[in-house]
Amino acid sequence: MPMAEMSRHQIPILTTFEAPPGTEIEKVLGPCWGITVRSRSVVGTACAGCQQFVGGEITALTELATASRNEAMNRLEQHAMAQGANAVLGMRFDSGELMQNTNEIVAYGTAVRLRTASPS
């Protein structure tokens, strides 16, 4: 997947805890998450090592990180929808090394059901 290509989602996934304008939270369904564990290939690690000599962005690792985050977000969306959510609020990423050259990427947030806001 080209780095510039962004994932399209079926439901809103927001980093804020506010409902989008014109909506209100009908029900908080609970936490939701998407996890992926990725490792760098021997070739990718070698290419990254070569790019370190000349400096600048290590594109092989940037592309791996982007693909990993997109996969985690797609899984987050599927988990939220399986709970009956039509939106995710407070989405965040976390990552950590599980073992050498292997990273876990987690997208997490709060699954909610939104409805059209009542007129004031």
PDB file of N, CA and C in Angstrom:
ATOM      1  N   MET A   1       0.851  -1.173   0.000  1.00  0.00           N
ATOM      2  CA  MET A   1       0.000   0.000   0.000  1.00  0.00           C
ATOM      3  C   MET A   1       0.896   1.236   0.000  1.00  0.00           C
ATOM      4  N   PRO A   2       0.701   2.155  -0.934  1.00  0.00           N
ATOM      5  CA  PRO A   2       1.494   3.368  -0.915  1.00  0.00           C
ATOM      6  C   PRO A   2       1.262   4.134   0.382  1.00  0.00           C
ATOM      7  N   MET A   3       2.344   4.776   0.870  1.00  0.00           N
ATOM      8  CA  MET A   3       2.274   5.445   2.147  1.00  0.00           C
ATOM      9  C   MET A   3       1.212   6.537   2.169  1.00  0.00           C
ATOM     10  N   ALA A   4       1.000   7.231   1.073  1.00  0.00           N
ATOM     11  CA  ALA A   4       0.046   8.334   1.031  1.00  0.00           C
ATOM     12  C   ALA A   4      -1.398   7.850   1.091  1.00  0.00           C
ATOM     13  N   GLU A   5      -1.626   6.570   0.768  1.00  0.00           N
ATOM     14  CA  GLU A   5      -2.984   6.031   0.764  1.00  0.00           C
ATOM     15  C   GLU A   5      -3.467   5.819   2.197  1.00  0.00           C
ATOM     16  N   MET A   6      -4.591   6.413   2.532  1.00  0.00           N
ATOM     17  CA  MET A   6      -5.148   6.301   3.873  1.00  0.00           C
ATOM     18  C   MET A   6      -6.290   5.293   3.855  1.00  0.00           C
ATOM     19  N   SER A   7      -6.464   4.622   4.973  1.00  0.00           N
ATOM     20  CA  SER A   7      -7.580   3.688   5.105  1.00  0.00           C
ATOM     21  C   SER A   7      -8.881   4.469   5.188  1.00  0.00           C
ATOM     22  N   ARG A   8      -9.908   3.963   4.558  1.00  0.00           N
ATOM     23  CA  ARG A   8     -11.246   4.529   4.664  1.00  0.00           C
ATOM     24  C   ARG A   8     -11.992   3.689   5.691  1.00  0.00           C
ATOM     25  N   HIS A   9     -12.735   4.359   6.534  1.00  0.00           N
ATOM     26  CA  HIS A   9     -13.442   3.649   7.589  1.00  0.00           C
ATOM     27  C   HIS A   9     -14.938   3.756   7.396  1.00  0.00           C
ATOM     28  N   GLN A  10     -15.648   2.753   7.895  1.00  0.00           N
ATOM     29  CA  GLN A  10     -17.102   2.702   7.785  1.00  0.00           C
ATOM     30  C   GLN A  10     -17.777   3.551   8.861  1.00  0.00           C
ATOM     31  N   ILE A  11     -17.089   3.779   9.968  1.00  0.00           N
ATOM     32  CA  ILE A  11     -17.633   4.575  11.066  1.00  0.00           C
ATOM     33  C   ILE A  11     -16.613   5.643  11.445  1.00  0.00           C
ATOM     34  N   PRO A  12     -17.058   6.755  12.062  1.00  0.00           N
ATOM     35  CA  PRO A  12     -16.097   7.766  12.505  1.00  0.00           C
ATOM     36  C   PRO A  12     -15.178   7.213  13.589  1.00  0.00           C
ATOM     37  N   ILE A  13     -13.893   7.510  13.462  1.00  0.00           N
ATOM     38  CA  ILE A  13     -12.901   7.160  14.476  1.00  0.00           C
ATOM     39  C   ILE A  13     -12.213   8.473  14.828  1.00  0.00           C
ATOM     40  N   LEU A  14     -12.502   8.973  16.038  1.00  0.00           N
ATOM     41  CA  LEU A  14     -12.044  10.297  16.436  1.00  0.00           C
ATOM     42  C   LEU A  14     -11.068  10.208  17.606  1.00  0.00           C
ATOM     43  N   THR A  15     -10.133  11.134  17.659  1.00  0.00           N
ATOM     44  CA  THR A  15      -9.188  11.185  18.773  1.00  0.00           C
ATOM     45  C   THR A  15      -9.744  11.976  19.945  1.00  0.00           C
ATOM     46  N   THR A  16     -10.829  12.689  19.735  1.00  0.00           N
ATOM     47  CA  THR A  16     -11.449  13.450  20.820  1.00  0.00           C
ATOM     48  C   THR A  16     -12.513  12.594  21.505  1.00  0.00           C
ATOM     49  N   PHE A  17     -12.954  13.054  22.669  1.00  0.00           N
ATOM     50  CA  PHE A  17     -14.018  12.360  23.382  1.00  0.00           C
ATOM     51  C   PHE A  17     -15.364  13.032  23.163  1.00  0.00           C
ATOM     52  N   GLU A  18     -15.403  14.043  22.310  1.00  0.00           N
ATOM     53  CA  GLU A  18     -16.639  14.755  22.004  1.00  0.00           C
ATOM     54  C   GLU A  18     -17.343  14.080  20.834  1.00  0.00           C
ATOM     55  N   ALA A  19     -18.659  14.020  20.917  1.00  0.00           N
ATOM     56  CA  ALA A  19     -19.441  13.513  19.780  1.00  0.00           C
ATOM     57  C   ALA A  19     -19.334  14.521  18.643  1.00  0.00           C
ATOM     58  N   PRO A  20     -19.327  14.068  17.391  1.00  0.00           N
ATOM     59  CA  PRO A  20     -19.253  14.998  16.263  1.00  0.00           C
ATOM     60  C   PRO A  20     -20.438  15.975  16.279  1.00  0.00           C
ATOM     61  N   PRO A  21     -20.270  17.162  15.695  1.00  0.00           N
ATOM     62  CA  PRO A  21     -21.361  18.143  15.662  1.00  0.00           C
ATOM     63  C   PRO A  21     -22.637  17.531  15.083  1.00  0.00           C
ATOM     64  N   GLY A  22     -23.763  17.852  15.732  1.00  0.00           N
ATOM     65  CA  GLY A  22     -25.053  17.349  15.273  1.00  0.00           C
ATOM     66  C   GLY A  22     -25.402  15.979  15.803  1.00  0.00           C
ATOM     67  N   THR A  23     -24.524  15.405  16.640  1.00  0.00           N
ATOM     68  CA  THR A  23     -24.793  14.085  17.221  1.00  0.00           C
ATOM     69  C   THR A  23     -24.612  14.149  18.726  1.00  0.00           C
ATOM     70  N   GLU A  24     -25.122  13.130  19.390  1.00  0.00           N
ATOM     71  CA  GLU A  24     -24.893  12.974  20.823  1.00  0.00           C
ATOM     72  C   GLU A  24     -24.701  11.494  21.111  1.00  0.00           C
ATOM     73  N   ILE A  25     -24.056  11.220  22.223  1.00  0.00           N
ATOM     74  CA  ILE A  25     -23.799   9.830  22.585  1.00  0.00           C
ATOM     75  C   ILE A  25     -25.077   9.222  23.133  1.00  0.00           C
ATOM     76  N   GLU A  26     -25.545   8.191  22.472  1.00  0.00           N
ATOM     77  CA  GLU A  26     -26.721   7.454  22.924  1.00  0.00           C
ATOM     78  C   GLU A  26     -26.325   6.424  23.976  1.00  0.00           C
ATOM     79  N   LYS A  27     -25.185   5.751  23.723  1.00  0.00           N
ATOM     80  CA  LYS A  27     -24.743   4.704  24.646  1.00  0.00           C
ATOM     81  C   LYS A  27     -23.241   4.499  24.516  1.00  0.00           C
ATOM     82  N   VAL A  28     -22.577   4.383  25.655  1.00  0.00           N
ATOM     83  CA  VAL A  28     -21.165   4.005  25.684  1.00  0.00           C
ATOM     84  C   VAL A  28     -21.126   2.489  25.782  1.00  0.00           C
ATOM     85  N   LEU A  29     -20.491   1.863  24.807  1.00  0.00           N
ATOM     86  CA  LEU A  29     -20.462   0.397  24.744  1.00  0.00           C
ATOM     87  C   LEU A  29     -19.240  -0.197  25.426  1.00  0.00           C
ATOM     88  N   GLY A  30     -18.181   0.590  25.554  1.00  0.00           N
ATOM     89  CA  GLY A  30     -16.991   0.116  26.256  1.00  0.00           C
ATOM     90  C   GLY A  30     -15.739   0.190  25.412  1.00  0.00           C
ATOM     91  N   PRO A  31     -14.652  -0.331  25.952  1.00  0.00           N
ATOM     92  CA  PRO A  31     -13.382  -0.263  25.242  1.00  0.00           C
ATOM     93  C   PRO A  31     -13.376  -1.139  23.993  1.00  0.00           C
ATOM     94  N   CYS A  32     -12.626  -0.689  23.023  1.00  0.00           N
ATOM     95  CA  CYS A  32     -12.415  -1.477  21.809  1.00  0.00           C
ATOM     96  C   CYS A  32     -10.961  -1.309  21.401  1.00  0.00           C
ATOM     97  N   TRP A  33     -10.447  -2.260  20.660  1.00  0.00           N
ATOM     98  CA  TRP A  33      -9.046  -2.218  20.281  1.00  0.00           C
ATOM     99  C   TRP A  33      -8.804  -3.025  19.027  1.00  0.00           C
ATOM    100  N   GLY A  34      -7.673  -2.759  18.440  1.00  0.00           N
ATOM    101  CA  GLY A  34      -7.171  -3.532  17.306  1.00  0.00           C
ATOM    102  C   GLY A  34      -5.684  -3.704  17.509  1.00  0.00           C
ATOM    103  N   ILE A  35      -5.197  -4.910  17.357  1.00  0.00           N
ATOM    104  CA  ILE A  35      -3.790  -5.215  17.623  1.00  0.00           C
ATOM    105  C   ILE A  35      -3.177  -5.892  16.408  1.00  0.00           C
ATOM    106  N   THR A  36      -1.945  -5.528  16.122  1.00  0.00           N
ATOM    107  CA  THR A  36      -1.161  -6.264  15.134  1.00  0.00           C
ATOM    108  C   THR A  36       0.263  -6.376  15.661  1.00  0.00           C
ATOM    109  N   VAL A  37       0.902  -7.468  15.354  1.00  0.00           N
ATOM    110  CA  VAL A  37       2.301  -7.684  15.715  1.00  0.00           C
ATOM    111  C   VAL A  37       3.061  -7.873  14.420  1.00  0.00           C
ATOM    112  N   ARG A  38       4.069  -7.072  14.238  1.00  0.00           N
ATOM    113  CA  ARG A  38       4.841  -7.107  12.994  1.00  0.00           C
ATOM    114  C   ARG A  38       6.318  -7.294  13.291  1.00  0.00           C
ATOM    115  N   SER A  39       6.993  -7.931  12.347  1.00  0.00           N
ATOM    116  CA  SER A  39       8.449  -8.052  12.440  1.00  0.00           C
ATOM    117  C   SER A  39       9.052  -7.505  11.163  1.00  0.00           C
ATOM    118  N   ARG A  40      10.244  -7.022  11.290  1.00  0.00           N
ATOM    119  CA  ARG A  40      10.975  -6.544  10.114  1.00  0.00           C
ATOM    120  C   ARG A  40      11.648  -7.756   9.469  1.00  0.00           C
ATOM    121  N   SER A  41      11.570  -7.800   8.150  1.00  0.00           N
ATOM    122  CA  SER A  41      12.240  -8.896   7.443  1.00  0.00           C
ATOM    123  C   SER A  41      13.751  -8.666   7.464  1.00  0.00           C
ATOM    124  N   VAL A  42      14.496  -9.701   7.187  1.00  0.00           N
ATOM    125  CA  VAL A  42      15.953  -9.582   7.118  1.00  0.00           C
ATOM    126  C   VAL A  42      16.331  -8.567   6.051  1.00  0.00           C
ATOM    127  N   VAL A  43      15.652  -8.613   4.906  1.00  0.00           N
ATOM    128  CA  VAL A  43      15.936  -7.667   3.816  1.00  0.00           C
ATOM    129  C   VAL A  43      15.600  -6.242   4.259  1.00  0.00           C
ATOM    130  N   GLY A  44      14.427  -6.064   4.906  1.00  0.00           N
ATOM    131  CA  GLY A  44      14.031  -4.741   5.366  1.00  0.00           C
ATOM    132  C   GLY A  44      14.993  -4.184   6.395  1.00  0.00           C
ATOM    133  N   THR A  45      15.453  -5.033   7.306  1.00  0.00           N
ATOM    134  CA  THR A  45      16.411  -4.608   8.320  1.00  0.00           C
ATOM    135  C   THR A  45      17.732  -4.220   7.666  1.00  0.00           C
ATOM    136  N   ALA A  46      18.171  -4.990   6.668  1.00  0.00           N
ATOM    137  CA  ALA A  46      19.420  -4.679   5.962  1.00  0.00           C
ATOM    138  C   ALA A  46      19.303  -3.357   5.205  1.00  0.00           C
ATOM    139  N   CYS A  47      18.156  -3.156   4.530  1.00  0.00           N
ATOM    140  CA  CYS A  47      17.936  -1.897   3.798  1.00  0.00           C
ATOM    141  C   CYS A  47      17.920  -0.714   4.748  1.00  0.00           C
ATOM    142  N   ALA A  48      17.265  -0.888   5.908  1.00  0.00           N
ATOM    143  CA  ALA A  48      17.216   0.182   6.910  1.00  0.00           C
ATOM    144  C   ALA A  48      18.622   0.504   7.400  1.00  0.00           C
ATOM    145  N   GLY A  49      19.428  -0.533   7.604  1.00  0.00           N
ATOM    146  CA  GLY A  49      20.812  -0.323   8.028  1.00  0.00           C
ATOM    147  C   GLY A  49      21.606   0.464   6.999  1.00  0.00           C
ATOM    148  N   CYS A  50      21.384   0.170   5.720  1.00  0.00           N
ATOM    149  CA  CYS A  50      22.075   0.897   4.649  1.00  0.00           C
ATOM    150  C   CYS A  50      21.645   2.363   4.632  1.00  0.00           C
ATOM    151  N   GLN A  51      20.351   2.636   4.834  1.00  0.00           N
ATOM    152  CA  GLN A  51      19.860   4.012   4.821  1.00  0.00           C
ATOM    153  C   GLN A  51      20.406   4.806   5.998  1.00  0.00           C
ATOM    154  N   GLN A  52      20.760   4.143   7.093  1.00  0.00           N
ATOM    155  CA  GLN A  52      21.314   4.839   8.242  1.00  0.00           C
ATOM    156  C   GLN A  52      22.669   5.462   7.915  1.00  0.00           C
ATOM    157  N   PHE A  53      23.404   4.876   6.984  1.00  0.00           N
ATOM    158  CA  PHE A  53      24.713   5.408   6.626  1.00  0.00           C
ATOM    159  C   PHE A  53      24.623   6.766   5.962  1.00  0.00           C
ATOM    160  N   VAL A  54      23.588   6.963   5.136  1.00  0.00           N
ATOM    161  CA  VAL A  54      23.459   8.231   4.417  1.00  0.00           C
ATOM    162  C   VAL A  54      22.564   9.225   5.141  1.00  0.00           C
ATOM    163  N   GLY A  55      21.837   8.771   6.162  1.00  0.00           N
ATOM    164  CA  GLY A  55      20.983   9.655   6.937  1.00  0.00           C
ATOM    165  C   GLY A  55      19.635   9.859   6.283  1.00  0.00           C
ATOM    166  N   GLY A  56      18.762  10.561   6.962  1.00  0.00           N
ATOM    167  CA  GLY A  56      17.434  10.846   6.449  1.00  0.00           C
ATOM    168  C   GLY A  56      16.431   9.789   6.864  1.00  0.00           C
ATOM    169  N   GLU A  57      15.264   9.874   6.262  1.00  0.00           N
ATOM    170  CA  GLU A  57      14.174   8.969   6.600  1.00  0.00           C
ATOM    171  C   GLU A  57      14.486   7.542   6.168  1.00  0.00           C
ATOM    172  N   ILE A  58      14.130   6.603   7.000  1.00  0.00           N
ATOM    173  CA  ILE A  58      14.283   5.184   6.672  1.00  0.00           C
ATOM    174  C   ILE A  58      12.932   4.724   6.152  1.00  0.00           C
ATOM    175  N   THR A  59      12.759   4.832   4.842  1.00  0.00           N
ATOM    176  CA  THR A  59      11.444   4.646   4.224  1.00  0.00           C
ATOM    177  C   THR A  59      10.874   3.240   4.422  1.00  0.00           C
ATOM    178  N   ALA A  60      11.706   2.227   4.436  1.00  0.00           N
ATOM    179  CA  ALA A  60      11.203   0.857   4.627  1.00  0.00           C
ATOM    180  C   ALA A  60      10.518   0.735   5.982  1.00  0.00           C
ATOM    181  N   LEU A  61      11.075   1.364   7.012  1.00  0.00           N
ATOM    182  CA  LEU A  61      10.478   1.290   8.341  1.00  0.00           C
ATOM    183  C   LEU A  61       9.265   2.207   8.450  1.00  0.00           C
ATOM    184  N   THR A  62       9.289   3.343   7.757  1.00  0.00           N
ATOM    185  CA  THR A  62       8.126   4.236   7.754  1.00  0.00           C
ATOM    186  C   THR A  62       6.934   3.529   7.120  1.00  0.00           C
ATOM    187  N   GLU A  63       7.167   2.849   6.016  1.00  0.00           N
ATOM    188  CA  GLU A  63       6.085   2.120   5.342  1.00  0.00           C
ATOM    189  C   GLU A  63       5.568   0.978   6.214  1.00  0.00           C
ATOM    190  N   LEU A  64       6.452   0.282   6.924  1.00  0.00           N
ATOM    191  CA  LEU A  64       6.037  -0.790   7.830  1.00  0.00           C
ATOM    192  C   LEU A  64       5.191  -0.214   8.970  1.00  0.00           C
ATOM    193  N   ALA A  65       5.614   0.910   9.532  1.00  0.00           N
ATOM    194  CA  ALA A  65       4.865   1.538  10.627  1.00  0.00           C
ATOM    195  C   ALA A  65       3.492   1.998  10.151  1.00  0.00           C
ATOM    196  N   THR A  66       3.425   2.580   8.971  1.00  0.00           N
ATOM    197  CA  THR A  66       2.147   3.047   8.424  1.00  0.00           C
ATOM    198  C   THR A  66       1.203   1.884   8.173  1.00  0.00           C
ATOM    199  N   ALA A  67       1.693   0.826   7.562  1.00  0.00           N
ATOM    200  CA  ALA A  67       0.863  -0.353   7.296  1.00  0.00           C
ATOM    201  C   ALA A  67       0.393  -0.988   8.605  1.00  0.00           C
ATOM    202  N   SER A  68       1.249  -1.016   9.607  1.00  0.00           N
ATOM    203  CA  SER A  68       0.895  -1.596  10.901  1.00  0.00           C
ATOM    204  C   SER A  68      -0.192  -0.790  11.587  1.00  0.00           C
ATOM    205  N   ARG A  69      -0.077   0.536  11.572  1.00  0.00           N
ATOM    206  CA  ARG A  69      -1.100   1.384  12.195  1.00  0.00           C
ATOM    207  C   ARG A  69      -2.426   1.268  11.456  1.00  0.00           C
ATOM    208  N   ASN A  70      -2.378   1.217  10.129  1.00  0.00           N
ATOM    209  CA  ASN A  70      -3.614   1.055   9.358  1.00  0.00           C
ATOM    210  C   ASN A  70      -4.300  -0.265   9.698  1.00  0.00           C
ATOM    211  N   GLU A  71      -3.527  -1.333   9.835  1.00  0.00           N
ATOM    212  CA  GLU A  71      -4.098  -2.637  10.181  1.00  0.00           C
ATOM    213  C   GLU A  71      -4.702  -2.603  11.579  1.00  0.00           C
ATOM    214  N   ALA A  72      -4.011  -2.000  12.523  1.00  0.00           N
ATOM    215  CA  ALA A  72      -4.539  -1.894  13.889  1.00  0.00           C
ATOM    216  C   ALA A  72      -5.842  -1.091  13.903  1.00  0.00           C
ATOM    217  N   MET A  73      -5.906  -0.010  13.129  1.00  0.00           N
ATOM    218  CA  MET A  73      -7.136   0.797  13.067  1.00  0.00           C
ATOM    219  C   MET A  73      -8.277   0.027  12.420  1.00  0.00           C
ATOM    220  N   ASN A  74      -7.995  -0.731  11.374  1.00  0.00           N
ATOM    221  CA  ASN A  74      -9.033  -1.548  10.737  1.00  0.00           C
ATOM    222  C   ASN A  74      -9.590  -2.578  11.724  1.00  0.00           C
ATOM    223  N   ARG A  75      -8.716  -3.176  12.515  1.00  0.00           N
ATOM    224  CA  ARG A  75      -9.165  -4.159  13.503  1.00  0.00           C
ATOM    225  C   ARG A  75      -9.932  -3.486  14.642  1.00  0.00           C
ATOM    226  N   LEU A  76      -9.520  -2.279  15.014  1.00  0.00           N
ATOM    227  CA  LEU A  76     -10.255  -1.491  16.006  1.00  0.00           C
ATOM    228  C   LEU A  76     -11.681  -1.250  15.523  1.00  0.00           C
ATOM    229  N   GLU A  77     -11.806  -0.822  14.290  1.00  0.00           N
ATOM    230  CA  GLU A  77     -13.126  -0.551  13.711  1.00  0.00           C
ATOM    231  C   GLU A  77     -13.992  -1.809  13.728  1.00  0.00           C
ATOM    232  N   GLN A  78     -13.432  -2.939  13.326  1.00  0.00           N
ATOM    233  CA  GLN A  78     -14.196  -4.188  13.301  1.00  0.00           C
ATOM    234  C   GLN A  78     -14.633  -4.599  14.711  1.00  0.00           C
ATOM    235  N   HIS A  79     -13.752  -4.422  15.692  1.00  0.00           N
ATOM    236  CA  HIS A  79     -14.099  -4.762  17.072  1.00  0.00           C
ATOM    237  C   HIS A  79     -15.222  -3.853  17.578  1.00  0.00           C
ATOM    238  N   ALA A  80     -15.141  -2.561  17.288  1.00  0.00           N
ATOM    239  CA  ALA A  80     -16.185  -1.615  17.708  1.00  0.00           C
ATOM    240  C   ALA A  80     -17.522  -1.968  17.063  1.00  0.00           C
ATOM    241  N   MET A  81     -17.518  -2.230  15.774  1.00  0.00           N
ATOM    242  CA  MET A  81     -18.762  -2.551  15.068  1.00  0.00           C
ATOM    243  C   MET A  81     -19.363  -3.863  15.574  1.00  0.00           C
ATOM    244  N   ALA A  82     -18.516  -4.816  15.948  1.00  0.00           N
ATOM    245  CA  ALA A  82     -19.020  -6.085  16.489  1.00  0.00           C
ATOM    246  C   ALA A  82     -19.750  -5.873  17.815  1.00  0.00           C
ATOM    247  N   GLN A  83     -19.437  -4.775  18.511  1.00  0.00           N
ATOM    248  CA  GLN A  83     -20.118  -4.430  19.765  1.00  0.00           C
ATOM    249  C   GLN A  83     -21.386  -3.616  19.514  1.00  0.00           C
ATOM    250  N   GLY A  84     -21.642  -3.271  18.259  1.00  0.00           N
ATOM    251  CA  GLY A  84     -22.810  -2.472  17.924  1.00  0.00           C
ATOM    252  C   GLY A  84     -22.531  -0.984  17.836  1.00  0.00           C
ATOM    253  N   ALA A  85     -21.276  -0.596  17.828  1.00  0.00           N
ATOM    254  CA  ALA A  85     -20.905   0.820  17.779  1.00  0.00           C
ATOM    255  C   ALA A  85     -21.072   1.383  16.374  1.00  0.00           C
ATOM    256  N   ASN A  86     -21.348   2.681  16.326  1.00  0.00           N
ATOM    257  CA  ASN A  86     -21.323   3.385  15.048  1.00  0.00           C
ATOM    258  C   ASN A  86     -20.292   4.511  15.074  1.00  0.00           C
ATOM    259  N   ALA A  87     -19.424   4.496  16.124  1.00  0.00           N
ATOM    260  CA  ALA A  87     -18.309   5.446  16.208  1.00  0.00           C
ATOM    261  C   ALA A  87     -17.342   4.985  17.292  1.00  0.00           C
ATOM    262  N   VAL A  88     -16.105   5.500  17.194  1.00  0.00           N
ATOM    263  CA  VAL A  88     -15.096   5.279  18.225  1.00  0.00           C
ATOM    264  C   VAL A  88     -14.607   6.654  18.652  1.00  0.00           C
ATOM    265  N   LEU A  89     -14.612   6.899  19.947  1.00  0.00           N
ATOM    266  CA  LEU A  89     -14.114   8.166  20.480  1.00  0.00           C
ATOM    267  C   LEU A  89     -12.842   7.916  21.284  1.00  0.00           C
ATOM    268  N   GLY A  90     -11.995   8.940  21.368  1.00  0.00           N
ATOM    269  CA  GLY A  90     -10.776   8.854  22.168  1.00  0.00           C
ATOM    270  C   GLY A  90      -9.765   7.858  21.653  1.00  0.00           C
ATOM    271  N   MET A  91      -9.673   7.681  20.330  1.00  0.00           N
ATOM    272  CA  MET A  91      -8.748   6.707  19.751  1.00  0.00           C
ATOM    273  C   MET A  91      -7.300   7.129  19.998  1.00  0.00           C
ATOM    274  N   ARG A  92      -6.502   6.161  20.371  1.00  0.00           N
ATOM    275  CA  ARG A  92      -5.067   6.358  20.596  1.00  0.00           C
ATOM    276  C   ARG A  92      -4.311   5.162  20.034  1.00  0.00           C
ATOM    277  N   PHE A  93      -3.003   5.368  19.858  1.00  0.00           N
ATOM    278  CA  PHE A  93      -2.101   4.286  19.481  1.00  0.00           C
ATOM    279  C   PHE A  93      -1.138   4.031  20.628  1.00  0.00           C
ATOM    280  N   ASP A  94      -0.697   2.795  20.721  1.00  0.00           N
ATOM    281  CA  ASP A  94       0.377   2.433  21.635  1.00  0.00           C
ATOM    282  C   ASP A  94       1.207   1.386  20.906  1.00  0.00           C
ATOM    283  N   SER A  95       2.455   1.313  21.245  1.00  0.00           N
ATOM    284  CA  SER A  95       3.297   0.287  20.630  1.00  0.00           C
ATOM    285  C   SER A  95       4.393  -0.110  21.602  1.00  0.00           C
ATOM    286  N   GLY A  96       4.906  -1.282  21.383  1.00  0.00           N
ATOM    287  CA  GLY A  96       5.997  -1.764  22.216  1.00  0.00           C
ATOM    288  C   GLY A  96       6.699  -2.916  21.530  1.00  0.00           C
ATOM    289  N   GLU A  97       7.936  -3.122  21.925  1.00  0.00           N
ATOM    290  CA  GLU A  97       8.718  -4.207  21.360  1.00  0.00           C
ATOM    291  C   GLU A  97       8.428  -5.476  22.155  1.00  0.00           C
ATOM    292  N   LEU A  98       8.013  -6.527  21.475  1.00  0.00           N
ATOM    293  CA  LEU A  98       7.747  -7.803  22.142  1.00  0.00           C
ATOM    294  C   LEU A  98       9.012  -8.640  22.252  1.00  0.00           C
ATOM    295  N   MET A  99       9.792  -8.625  21.185  1.00  0.00           N
ATOM    296  CA  MET A  99      11.085  -9.286  21.157  1.00  0.00           C
ATOM    297  C   MET A  99      11.899  -8.589  20.076  1.00  0.00           C
ATOM    298  N   GLN A 100      13.140  -8.924  19.926  1.00  0.00           N
ATOM    299  CA  GLN A 100      13.990  -8.216  18.973  1.00  0.00           C
ATOM    300  C   GLN A 100      13.368  -8.221  17.581  1.00  0.00           C
ATOM    301  N   ASN A 101      13.257  -7.039  16.993  1.00  0.00           N
ATOM    302  CA  ASN A 101      12.708  -6.818  15.647  1.00  0.00           C
ATOM    303  C   ASN A 101      11.224  -7.157  15.524  1.00  0.00           C
ATOM    304  N   THR A 102      10.500  -7.232  16.642  1.00  0.00           N
ATOM    305  CA  THR A 102       9.071  -7.526  16.610  1.00  0.00           C
ATOM    306  C   THR A 102       8.344  -6.505  17.472  1.00  0.00           C
ATOM    307  N   ASN A 103       7.405  -5.790  16.859  1.00  0.00           N
ATOM    308  CA  ASN A 103       6.649  -4.757  17.570  1.00  0.00           C
ATOM    309  C   ASN A 103       5.166  -5.068  17.577  1.00  0.00           C
ATOM    310  N   GLU A 104       4.523  -4.701  18.686  1.00  0.00           N
ATOM    311  CA  GLU A 104       3.081  -4.771  18.816  1.00  0.00           C
ATOM    312  C   GLU A 104       2.555  -3.345  18.649  1.00  0.00           C
ATOM    313  N   ILE A 105       1.549  -3.176  17.804  1.00  0.00           N
ATOM    314  CA  ILE A 105       0.902  -1.883  17.612  1.00  0.00           C
ATOM    315  C   ILE A 105      -0.562  -2.065  17.998  1.00  0.00           C
ATOM    316  N   VAL A 106      -1.041  -1.206  18.896  1.00  0.00           N
ATOM    317  CA  VAL A 106      -2.408  -1.282  19.384  1.00  0.00           C
ATOM    318  C   VAL A 106      -3.102   0.046  19.098  1.00  0.00           C
ATOM    319  N   ALA A 107      -4.274  -0.018  18.493  1.00  0.00           N
ATOM    320  CA  ALA A 107      -5.161   1.133  18.369  1.00  0.00           C
ATOM    321  C   ALA A 107      -6.304   0.859  19.332  1.00  0.00           C
ATOM    322  N   TYR A 108      -6.626   1.830  20.196  1.00  0.00           N
ATOM    323  CA  TYR A 108      -7.686   1.594  21.165  1.00  0.00           C
ATOM    324  C   TYR A 108      -8.514   2.849  21.367  1.00  0.00           C
ATOM    325  N   GLY A 109      -9.727   2.662  21.834  1.00  0.00           N
ATOM    326  CA  GLY A 109     -10.617   3.781  22.059  1.00  0.00           C
ATOM    327  C   GLY A 109     -11.875   3.306  22.754  1.00  0.00           C
ATOM    328  N   THR A 110     -12.907   4.136  22.713  1.00  0.00           N
ATOM    329  CA  THR A 110     -14.184   3.833  23.342  1.00  0.00           C
ATOM    330  C   THR A 110     -15.244   3.671  22.265  1.00  0.00           C
ATOM    331  N   ALA A 111     -15.853   2.503  22.223  1.00  0.00           N
ATOM    332  CA  ALA A 111     -16.928   2.222  21.266  1.00  0.00           C
ATOM    333  C   ALA A 111     -18.207   2.874  21.785  1.00  0.00           C
ATOM    334  N   VAL A 112     -18.865   3.646  20.918  1.00  0.00           N
ATOM    335  CA  VAL A 112     -20.108   4.315  21.296  1.00  0.00           C
ATOM    336  C   VAL A 112     -21.140   4.172  20.191  1.00  0.00           C
ATOM    337  N   ARG A 113     -22.382   4.372  20.594  1.00  0.00           N
ATOM    338  CA  ARG A 113     -23.452   4.476  19.620  1.00  0.00           C
ATOM    339  C   ARG A 113     -23.919   5.926  19.663  1.00  0.00           C
ATOM    340  N   LEU A 114     -23.874   6.587  18.504  1.00  0.00           N
ATOM    341  CA  LEU A 114     -24.291   7.982  18.385  1.00  0.00           C
ATOM    342  C   LEU A 114     -25.698   8.047  17.814  1.00  0.00           C
ATOM    343  N   ARG A 115     -26.382   9.156  18.085  1.00  0.00           N
ATOM    344  CA  ARG A 115     -27.668   9.445  17.466  1.00  0.00           C
ATOM    345  C   ARG A 115     -27.676  10.922  17.096  1.00  0.00           C
ATOM    346  N   THR A 116     -28.575  11.283  16.228  1.00  0.00           N
ATOM    347  CA  THR A 116     -28.725  12.685  15.854  1.00  0.00           C
ATOM    348  C   THR A 116     -29.155  13.476  17.079  1.00  0.00           C
ATOM    349  N   ALA A 117     -28.510  14.614  17.283  1.00  0.00           N
ATOM    350  CA  ALA A 117     -28.793  15.429  18.471  1.00  0.00           C
ATOM    351  C   ALA A 117     -30.206  15.977  18.417  1.00  0.00           C
ATOM    352  N   SER A 118     -30.840  16.011  19.576  1.00  0.00           N
ATOM    353  CA  SER A 118     -32.162  16.604  19.697  1.00  0.00           C
ATOM    354  C   SER A 118     -32.049  18.116  19.593  1.00  0.00           C
ATOM    355  N   PRO A 119     -33.016  18.770  18.927  1.00  0.00           N
ATOM    356  CA  PRO A 119     -32.973  20.229  18.859  1.00  0.00           C
ATOM    357  C   PRO A 119     -33.104  20.823  20.270  1.00  0.00           C
ATOM    358  N   SER A 120     -32.374  21.905  20.510  1.00  0.00           N
ATOM    359  CA  SER A 120     -32.391  22.523  21.850  1.00  0.00           C
ATOM    360  C   SER A 120     -33.635  23.256  22.144  1.00  0.00           C
TER     361      SER A 120
END
